[in-house]
Amino acid sequence: MENKESNKEQMLNTHQRIHSLTHLSSSDVAIKVENVSKKFCKSLKRSMLYGVRDITRNAFGMSSNSHLLRKKEFWAIDDISFEVKKGETLGIIGSNGAGKTTMLKMLNGIFWPDKGKITINGKTGALISVGAGFHPMLSGRENIYLNGSILGMSRREVNKKFNKIVEFADIGDFLDTPVKFYSSGMFVRLGFAVAVYCNPDILLVDEVLAVGDLAFRLKCNRKMSAFRQKGGTVVLVAHNMNAIRNICDKVVWIDKGKIIEIGDVQRICGLFEESSMSNKEFDSEKIGRIFHYDQSVNIFKIEFLDKNNAICKSYKVGDYFKLRIYFNCKRIVNNPIFGVTIFSSQGPTISFNRSNLDGSEFSKVSGKGYVDFCIDKLPFHPSHYFCSVFISEEEFHNYLDVHEKCYKFIVAGNATNQGLMNPFPKWFLKCTESNL
């Protein structure tokens, strides 16, 4: 009886896997992922042992119990479900090791799910890893035919599109060179060219495009834009939140193999940035140095505040920003100058402001008080930031108290441009001549 149940379960698993490749032409859903899980083993030796056992059990019609974890195994993808409609662009985000590329490889059929079902409605083209599907000893020309065949193209189709593929890849005189001598950028050029010219209904793209040069990335973005305008479906894995915001219709945030959030692009990208920036590494970074040049004057506290004067350590692009500097002057300080320098976590100085140069000249201060440094619309790109503050007297270099890179804050979410900062410009359009 137990044997019959095992056979029945095995047949069901096989049926589900076959069904995962079935094309549902009547549906408007391009990809449907239902309660999918995938496990891996941390030990290569055990992984090979488990593989032999599973093959043996399947050969005798017994269940491999793929839904159970064995010693050293872990769920890389754990009970994930989502849908992608035809013509939609889905972004998959998450930290390194979250399971993004594993999910993409299951969508492409490289991995089978251990649990659940994946239904694909259409032909897929994939660019998952640099040089995937290429044979290192074959030339670029030969690999075009090989990769085209893997993606479901006939030799006649490849012949027809060969010149366009070569032109798009732009690998010059290296077409007949073995690809093992190619740079990573040349691999990506050729791989992407073949993938987009196999006329897929669904394009799966990993972050490998980040290794290409600027001209090639622009060309790829134009090609993907044209693909989407024709109703193509795209699944994009990326760490670049600007790319996700600009391209995707919805986003899935994966962490440790599980879905954290799914849906609105701007909201979830902002939440992901806040989460990834509020990490222990940033919190534990060494605080800077304090230099007391005048013992009668000191900065004893600073606060980051929002528009309601509430304490705030995490802002969004465009938020009201206030840095309040509390001071105690046990003597009269004449013509005080207050300064704020903001640095990105990568090192560069983002802004350097002095009160006297910003039109705020103070005649003198004494006793306890505070000065506010305010920005109506925070223009900085999402990242970690460090602050330096100081008080000088009479002239800039006559420092009284300097706190160098002693304070931290975070900017996350709602980035509306792709530079280091957003100046929040106004745009005006005027047509001087009309051809309508």
Protein backbone atom coordinates (compact mmCIF):
# COMPACT_ATOMS: atom_id res chain seq x y z
CA MET A 1 0.00 0.00 0.00
CA GLU A 2 2.83 2.33 0.96
CA ASN A 3 4.56 1.54 -2.35
CA LYS A 4 1.44 2.52 -4.31
CA GLU A 5 1.21 5.81 -2.42
CA SER A 6 4.89 6.52 -3.15
CA ASN A 7 4.37 5.75 -6.84
CA LYS A 8 1.33 7.97 -6.90
CA GLU A 9 3.30 10.82 -5.28
CA GLN A 10 6.16 10.33 -7.73
CA MET A 11 3.80 10.42 -10.70
CA LEU A 12 2.20 13.56 -9.30
CA ASN A 13 5.60 15.25 -8.94
CA THR A 14 6.51 14.29 -12.51
CA HIS A 15 3.17 15.56 -13.77
CA GLN A 16 3.70 18.87 -12.01
CA ARG A 17 7.16 19.27 -13.52
CA ILE A 18 5.90 18.52 -17.01
CA HIS A 19 3.00 20.89 -16.42
CA SER A 20 5.49 23.58 -15.43
CA LEU A 21 6.55 23.73 -19.08
CA THR A 22 3.02 23.70 -20.49
CA HIS A 23 1.93 26.72 -22.54
CA LEU A 24 -1.48 28.07 -21.62
CA SER A 25 -2.27 30.08 -24.75
CA SER A 26 -5.68 31.19 -23.51
CA SER A 27 -4.28 32.80 -20.37
CA ASP A 28 -3.07 36.39 -19.97
CA VAL A 29 -0.59 35.14 -17.36
CA ALA A 30 2.94 34.67 -18.71
CA ILE A 31 4.47 33.16 -15.56
CA LYS A 32 2.74 31.54 -12.62
CA VAL A 33 4.75 30.40 -9.62
CA GLU A 34 2.80 28.37 -7.05
CA ASN A 35 4.26 27.48 -3.63
CA VAL A 36 7.69 26.80 -5.11
CA SER A 37 10.61 25.66 -2.97
CA LYS A 38 14.16 24.66 -3.88
CA LYS A 39 16.76 23.18 -1.56
CA PHE A 40 20.53 22.81 -1.79
CA CYS A 41 23.16 21.04 0.28
CA LYS A 42 26.05 22.90 1.91
CA SER A 43 28.31 19.85 1.58
CA LEU A 44 29.38 18.75 -1.92
CA LYS A 45 30.06 15.20 -0.73
CA ARG A 46 26.62 14.87 0.86
CA SER A 47 24.98 16.53 -2.14
CA MET A 48 26.44 13.85 -4.45
CA LEU A 49 25.40 11.10 -2.01
CA TYR A 50 21.84 12.44 -1.81
CA GLY A 51 21.72 12.66 -5.61
CA VAL A 52 22.68 9.00 -6.02
CA ARG A 53 20.09 7.97 -3.39
CA ASP A 54 17.33 10.00 -5.07
CA ILE A 55 18.09 8.55 -8.51
CA THR A 56 18.09 5.03 -7.06
CA ARG A 57 14.79 5.55 -5.23
CA ASN A 58 13.17 7.03 -8.34
CA ALA A 59 14.43 4.09 -10.44
CA PHE A 60 12.57 1.72 -8.13
CA GLY A 61 9.43 3.86 -8.16
CA MET A 62 9.95 5.19 -4.66
CA SER A 63 9.51 8.78 -3.55
CA SER A 64 12.69 10.80 -3.02
CA ASN A 65 10.89 12.84 -0.31
CA SER A 66 12.10 16.05 -1.89
CA HIS A 67 9.85 18.04 0.44
CA LEU A 68 11.98 17.09 3.47
CA LEU A 69 15.31 18.59 4.51
CA ARG A 70 18.20 16.26 5.20
CA LYS A 71 21.43 16.93 7.05
CA LYS A 72 23.33 19.99 5.69
CA GLU A 73 20.42 20.94 3.38
CA PHE A 74 18.66 24.31 3.39
CA TRP A 75 15.84 25.98 1.49
CA ALA A 76 17.30 28.44 -1.04
CA ILE A 77 13.72 29.21 -2.13
CA ASP A 78 10.97 28.59 0.40
CA ASP A 79 7.27 28.49 -0.56
CA ILE A 80 7.23 31.35 -3.07
CA SER A 81 4.16 32.28 -5.15
CA PHE A 82 3.61 35.09 -7.67
CA GLU A 83 2.24 35.81 -11.16
CA VAL A 84 3.58 37.87 -14.05
CA LYS A 85 1.09 38.95 -16.69
CA LYS A 86 1.91 39.14 -20.38
CA GLY A 87 3.58 42.44 -21.23
CA GLU A 88 4.49 43.06 -17.58
CA THR A 89 7.98 43.69 -16.21
CA LEU A 90 8.75 42.13 -12.84
CA GLY A 91 11.75 43.06 -10.74
CA ILE A 92 13.24 40.64 -8.22
CA ILE A 93 15.28 42.31 -5.49
CA GLY A 94 17.08 41.16 -2.36
CA SER A 95 20.48 41.03 -0.73
CA ASN A 96 23.25 38.69 -1.89
CA GLY A 97 22.30 35.08 -1.28
CA ALA A 98 18.58 35.84 -0.97
CA GLY A 99 17.64 33.38 -3.75
CA LYS A 100 17.06 35.75 -6.68
CA THR A 101 19.22 33.97 -9.26
CA THR A 102 17.99 30.55 -8.08
CA MET A 103 14.45 31.73 -8.77
CA LEU A 104 15.46 32.97 -12.22
CA LYS A 105 17.15 29.65 -13.03
CA MET A 106 13.99 27.77 -12.06
CA LEU A 107 11.95 30.02 -14.35
CA ASN A 108 14.36 29.10 -17.14
CA GLY A 109 14.16 25.37 -16.40
CA ILE A 110 17.80 25.04 -15.31
CA PHE A 111 16.64 23.87 -11.85
CA TRP A 112 13.52 21.86 -11.03
CA PRO A 113 11.56 22.97 -7.96
CA ASP A 114 11.56 20.47 -5.10
CA LYS A 115 8.06 21.57 -4.19
CA GLY A 116 5.37 23.51 -5.99
CA LYS A 117 4.73 24.27 -9.64
CA ILE A 118 5.95 26.78 -12.24
CA THR A 119 3.82 27.44 -15.32
CA ILE A 120 5.40 29.27 -18.25
CA ASN A 121 3.22 30.61 -21.04
CA GLY A 122 5.57 31.42 -23.92
CA LYS A 123 9.09 31.07 -25.22
CA THR A 124 11.85 32.28 -22.89
CA GLY A 125 15.16 33.93 -23.60
CA ALA A 126 17.56 34.17 -20.69
CA LEU A 127 20.74 35.94 -19.75
CA ILE A 128 21.42 34.56 -16.29
CA SER A 129 25.19 34.32 -15.97
CA VAL A 130 28.15 35.44 -18.02
CA GLY A 131 28.82 32.88 -20.74
CA ALA A 132 25.93 30.58 -19.78
CA GLY A 133 25.42 28.05 -22.57
CA PHE A 134 28.74 28.86 -24.27
CA HIS A 135 31.40 26.25 -24.94
CA PRO A 136 34.79 27.82 -24.12
CA MET A 137 36.66 25.99 -26.89
CA LEU A 138 34.23 27.03 -29.62
CA SER A 139 34.40 30.34 -31.46
CA GLY A 140 31.88 33.14 -31.08
CA ARG A 141 30.38 32.15 -34.44
CA GLU A 142 29.92 28.52 -33.37
CA ASN A 143 28.51 29.53 -29.99
CA ILE A 144 25.87 31.69 -31.66
CA TYR A 145 24.51 28.54 -33.32
CA LEU A 146 24.94 26.50 -30.12
CA ASN A 147 23.24 29.06 -27.89
CA GLY A 148 20.54 29.68 -30.46
CA SER A 149 19.79 25.96 -30.51
CA ILE A 150 19.56 25.88 -26.70
CA LEU A 151 17.07 28.76 -26.86
CA GLY A 152 14.92 26.87 -29.36
CA MET A 153 16.02 28.42 -32.65
CA SER A 154 16.50 26.33 -35.77
CA ARG A 155 19.68 26.65 -37.84
CA ARG A 156 17.65 28.40 -40.52
CA GLU A 157 16.43 30.99 -37.99
CA VAL A 158 19.98 31.58 -36.75
CA ASN A 159 21.21 32.00 -40.34
CA LYS A 160 18.49 34.56 -40.96
CA LYS A 161 19.36 36.60 -37.86
CA PHE A 162 23.09 35.93 -37.75
CA ASN A 163 24.20 39.32 -39.12
CA LYS A 164 21.92 41.22 -36.72
CA ILE A 165 23.23 39.22 -33.77
CA VAL A 166 26.84 39.91 -34.76
CA GLU A 167 26.11 43.60 -35.36
CA PHE A 168 24.39 43.97 -31.97
CA ALA A 169 27.13 42.08 -30.10
CA ASP A 170 29.80 44.26 -31.75
CA ILE A 171 32.69 41.92 -30.93
CA GLY A 172 34.61 42.92 -34.05
CA ASP A 173 37.41 40.64 -35.20
CA PHE A 174 36.87 38.20 -32.32
CA LEU A 175 33.90 36.42 -33.93
CA ASP A 176 36.04 33.44 -34.93
CA THR A 177 38.11 33.42 -31.71
CA PRO A 178 37.42 30.78 -29.01
CA VAL A 179 35.23 32.42 -26.39
CA LYS A 180 37.54 31.33 -23.56
CA PHE A 181 39.66 34.32 -24.61
CA TYR A 182 36.71 36.74 -24.38
CA SER A 183 36.42 39.34 -21.64
CA SER A 184 33.34 39.23 -19.40
CA GLY A 185 31.96 42.20 -21.34
CA MET A 186 32.29 40.36 -24.65
CA PHE A 187 30.56 37.32 -23.14
CA VAL A 188 27.62 39.50 -22.12
CA ARG A 189 27.44 41.22 -25.50
CA LEU A 190 27.20 37.93 -27.35
CA GLY A 191 24.89 36.27 -24.81
CA PHE A 192 22.43 39.16 -24.74
CA ALA A 193 22.44 39.49 -28.54
CA VAL A 194 21.49 35.83 -28.99
CA ALA A 195 18.88 35.99 -26.21
CA VAL A 196 17.01 39.01 -27.62
CA TYR A 197 17.14 37.83 -31.23
CA CYS A 198 15.63 34.41 -30.48
CA ASN A 199 12.31 36.33 -30.39
CA PRO A 200 11.31 35.26 -26.87
CA ASP A 201 7.93 35.99 -25.33
CA ILE A 202 9.63 36.22 -21.94
CA LEU A 203 13.07 37.69 -21.29
CA LEU A 204 14.88 36.68 -18.09
CA VAL A 205 17.74 39.05 -17.24
CA ASP A 206 20.17 38.82 -14.33
CA GLU A 207 22.45 41.65 -13.23
CA VAL A 208 25.18 40.46 -15.59
CA LEU A 209 24.40 43.49 -17.78
CA ALA A 210 26.18 45.59 -15.16
CA VAL A 211 29.54 44.41 -16.50
CA GLY A 212 28.97 45.91 -19.94
CA ASP A 213 30.30 49.33 -20.93
CA LEU A 214 28.06 52.40 -21.04
CA ALA A 215 27.38 52.29 -24.79
CA PHE A 216 26.38 48.63 -24.62
CA ARG A 217 24.13 49.17 -21.56
CA LEU A 218 22.34 51.99 -23.38
CA LYS A 219 21.87 49.76 -26.41
CA CYS A 220 20.52 46.96 -24.21
CA ASN A 221 18.10 49.33 -22.47
CA ARG A 222 16.77 50.50 -25.84
CA LYS A 223 16.34 46.92 -27.00
CA MET A 224 14.53 45.96 -23.80
CA SER A 225 12.31 49.03 -24.10
CA ALA A 226 11.35 48.06 -27.67
CA PHE A 227 10.74 44.47 -26.47
CA ARG A 228 8.37 45.68 -23.72
CA GLN A 229 6.53 48.04 -26.07
CA LYS A 230 5.77 45.05 -28.32
CA GLY A 231 4.15 43.27 -25.37
CA GLY A 232 7.12 41.21 -24.22
CA THR A 233 7.37 40.05 -20.61
CA VAL A 234 10.56 40.77 -18.65
CA VAL A 235 11.81 39.38 -15.33
CA LEU A 236 14.76 41.44 -14.11
CA VAL A 237 17.07 40.62 -11.19
CA ALA A 238 19.09 43.66 -10.10
CA HIS A 239 20.71 45.42 -7.16
CA ASN A 240 20.38 48.77 -8.94
CA MET A 241 17.19 50.26 -7.50
CA ASN A 242 17.11 52.99 -10.16
CA ALA A 243 16.95 50.32 -12.88
CA ILE A 244 14.15 48.54 -10.99
CA ARG A 245 12.23 51.80 -10.49
CA ASN A 246 12.60 52.89 -14.12
CA ILE A 247 11.81 49.57 -15.79
CA CYS A 248 9.52 47.44 -13.62
CA ASP A 249 5.74 47.42 -13.20
CA LYS A 250 5.92 45.51 -9.93
CA VAL A 251 8.59 44.03 -7.71
CA VAL A 252 9.19 40.96 -5.54
CA TRP A 253 11.47 41.38 -2.53
CA ILE A 254 13.08 38.08 -1.50
CA ASP A 255 15.10 37.51 1.65
CA LYS A 256 16.53 34.14 2.76
CA GLY A 257 14.39 32.39 0.16
CA LYS A 258 11.09 33.90 1.29
CA ILE A 259 8.98 36.73 -0.10
CA ILE A 260 9.04 39.78 2.16
CA GLU A 261 6.91 42.07 -0.01
CA ILE A 262 5.36 42.00 -3.47
CA GLY A 263 3.64 44.76 -5.41
CA ASP A 264 4.23 48.53 -5.74
CA VAL A 265 7.70 49.33 -7.08
CA GLN A 266 8.39 52.67 -5.35
CA ARG A 267 7.14 51.58 -1.94
CA ILE A 268 8.96 48.24 -1.85
CA CYS A 269 12.23 49.61 -3.25
CA GLY A 270 12.15 52.24 -0.52
CA LEU A 271 11.50 49.62 2.17
CA PHE A 272 14.32 47.45 0.81
CA GLU A 273 16.76 50.37 0.80
CA GLU A 274 15.85 51.28 4.36
CA SER A 275 16.31 47.68 5.46
CA SER A 276 19.63 47.19 3.67
CA MET A 277 21.00 50.54 4.85
CA SER A 278 19.98 50.04 8.47
CA ASN A 279 22.48 47.24 8.84
CA LYS A 280 24.84 46.35 11.66
CA GLU A 281 27.89 47.09 9.52
CA PHE A 282 26.88 50.75 9.16
CA ASP A 283 25.82 51.02 12.81
CA SER A 284 29.13 49.62 14.01
CA GLU A 285 31.34 51.78 11.79
CA LYS A 286 33.88 53.71 13.79
CA ILE A 287 32.74 57.16 14.85
CA GLY A 288 35.03 59.97 13.78
CA ARG A 289 37.19 62.25 15.92
CA ILE A 290 36.47 65.31 18.05
CA PHE A 291 38.92 68.22 18.28
CA HIS A 292 38.45 70.71 21.17
CA TYR A 293 40.52 73.78 20.45
CA ASP A 294 38.78 76.04 22.98
CA GLN A 295 37.70 74.39 26.25
CA SER A 296 35.14 77.13 26.89
CA VAL A 297 33.18 76.29 23.73
CA ASN A 298 31.79 72.89 22.87
CA ILE A 299 29.16 71.11 20.81
CA PHE A 300 27.48 68.77 23.27
CA LYS A 301 24.73 67.21 21.15
CA ILE A 302 23.31 67.05 17.64
CA GLU A 303 19.89 65.86 16.48
CA PHE A 304 18.49 64.86 13.10
CA LEU A 305 14.88 66.10 12.89
CA ASP A 306 11.96 65.89 10.46
CA LYS A 307 9.47 68.60 9.52
CA ASN A 308 7.61 68.04 12.81
CA ASN A 309 10.82 68.37 14.86
CA ALA A 310 10.69 64.68 15.68
CA ILE A 311 13.95 62.72 15.94
CA CYS A 312 14.74 61.10 12.59
CA LYS A 313 17.68 58.99 11.39
CA SER A 314 16.19 57.75 8.12
CA TYR A 315 14.92 60.11 5.42
CA LYS A 316 13.51 59.73 1.94
CA VAL A 317 14.68 61.70 -1.08
CA GLY A 318 12.75 65.00 -1.06
CA ASP A 319 12.03 64.98 2.69
CA TYR A 320 12.50 68.02 4.89
CA PHE A 321 15.84 67.68 6.69
CA LYS A 322 16.98 69.45 9.84
CA LEU A 323 20.29 69.03 11.66
CA ARG A 324 20.21 70.74 15.06
CA ILE A 325 23.57 71.56 16.65
CA TYR A 326 23.51 72.18 20.40
CA PHE A 327 26.34 74.28 21.79
CA ASN A 328 27.55 75.64 25.13
CA CYS A 329 29.66 78.80 25.08
CA LYS A 330 31.05 79.78 28.50
CA ARG A 331 32.25 83.04 27.02
CA ILE A 332 31.12 85.43 24.31
CA VAL A 333 31.98 84.13 20.84
CA ASN A 334 32.13 86.96 18.32
CA ASN A 335 30.97 86.45 14.75
CA PRO A 336 30.48 82.67 15.15
CA ILE A 337 30.57 80.51 12.02
CA PHE A 338 28.77 77.17 12.04
CA GLY A 339 29.66 74.52 9.50
CA VAL A 340 28.20 71.22 8.26
CA THR A 341 29.94 68.81 5.90
CA ILE A 342 28.15 65.74 4.58
CA PHE A 343 30.05 62.72 3.22
CA SER A 344 28.73 59.63 1.46
CA SER A 345 29.65 56.26 2.99
CA GLN A 346 31.96 55.70 -0.02
CA GLY A 347 34.05 58.73 0.99
CA PRO A 348 33.35 61.70 -1.33
CA THR A 349 32.21 65.03 0.11
CA ILE A 350 28.59 65.58 -0.94
CA SER A 351 28.12 69.06 0.50
CA PHE A 352 30.09 71.60 2.54
CA ASN A 353 28.21 74.54 4.04
CA ARG A 354 29.19 77.46 6.25
CA SER A 355 26.60 79.71 7.84
CA ASN A 356 28.31 82.96 6.83
CA LEU A 357 28.56 81.93 3.15
CA ASP A 358 24.91 80.83 3.14
CA GLY A 359 23.78 84.34 4.11
CA SER A 360 23.37 83.74 7.84
CA GLU A 361 25.81 85.95 9.72
CA PHE A 362 25.59 85.99 13.52
CA SER A 363 27.11 88.79 15.59
CA LYS A 364 27.77 86.84 18.80
CA VAL A 365 26.61 83.96 20.99
CA SER A 366 27.07 82.97 24.62
CA GLY A 367 25.61 80.39 26.96
CA LYS A 368 23.66 77.34 25.82
CA GLY A 369 21.69 77.23 22.58
CA TYR A 370 21.33 75.57 19.23
CA VAL A 371 21.54 76.34 15.53
CA ASP A 372 19.48 74.57 12.86
CA PHE A 373 20.84 73.55 9.48
CA CYS A 374 17.75 73.01 7.27
CA ILE A 375 17.16 71.62 3.78
CA ASP A 376 13.60 71.95 2.44
CA LYS A 377 13.96 69.01 0.04
CA LEU A 378 16.71 66.53 0.78
CA PRO A 379 18.44 66.08 -2.60
CA PHE A 380 20.81 63.21 -1.83
CA HIS A 381 20.72 59.84 -3.55
CA PRO A 382 19.70 56.86 -1.33
CA SER A 383 22.76 55.84 0.69
CA HIS A 384 24.46 56.10 4.09
CA TYR A 385 25.86 59.50 5.04
CA PHE A 386 28.27 60.87 7.64
CA CYS A 387 28.24 64.40 9.06
CA SER A 388 30.94 66.71 10.34
CA VAL A 389 30.02 69.85 12.31
CA PHE A 390 32.12 72.71 13.67
CA ILE A 391 32.09 76.14 15.30
CA SER A 392 34.62 78.80 14.32
CA GLU A 393 35.10 82.38 15.47
CA GLU A 394 35.60 85.42 13.25
CA GLU A 395 36.97 83.40 10.33
CA PHE A 396 36.55 79.91 8.96
CA HIS A 397 39.94 78.47 9.98
CA ASN A 398 39.76 79.71 13.57
CA TYR A 399 38.18 76.49 14.83
CA LEU A 400 36.80 76.27 18.38
CA ASP A 401 35.22 72.80 18.29
CA VAL A 402 35.24 70.27 15.43
CA HIS A 403 33.38 66.95 15.28
CA GLU A 404 34.77 65.12 12.22
CA LYS A 405 32.46 62.45 10.71
CA CYS A 406 30.88 61.77 14.09
CA TYR A 407 27.23 61.52 13.06
CA LYS A 408 25.28 59.31 10.67
CA PHE A 409 21.98 59.33 8.85
CA ILE A 410 20.31 57.38 6.05
CA VAL A 411 18.54 58.45 2.86
CA ALA A 412 16.31 55.80 1.32
CA GLY A 413 13.53 55.42 -1.20
CA ASN A 414 11.70 57.54 -3.73
CA ALA A 415 14.79 58.32 -5.80
CA THR A 416 13.62 60.28 -8.83
CA ASN A 417 16.96 60.56 -10.58
CA GLN A 418 20.06 58.44 -11.04
CA GLY A 419 22.83 60.84 -10.02
CA LEU A 420 24.50 61.52 -6.69
CA MET A 421 21.83 64.07 -5.90
CA ASN A 422 18.52 65.45 -7.14
CA PRO A 423 18.38 69.26 -7.51
CA PHE A 424 14.56 69.12 -7.84
CA PRO A 425 14.48 71.25 -11.00
CA LYS A 426 11.46 72.74 -12.71
CA TRP A 427 10.84 71.97 -16.37
CA PHE A 428 9.35 74.27 -18.99
CA LEU A 429 8.39 73.25 -22.53
CA LYS A 430 7.87 75.61 -25.45
CA CYS A 431 7.43 74.62 -29.09
CA THR A 432 8.59 77.43 -31.36
CA GLU A 433 7.30 75.78 -34.50
CA SER A 434 4.63 73.16 -35.05
CA ASN A 435 4.50 70.50 -37.74
CA LEU A 436 1.02 69.28 -36.77
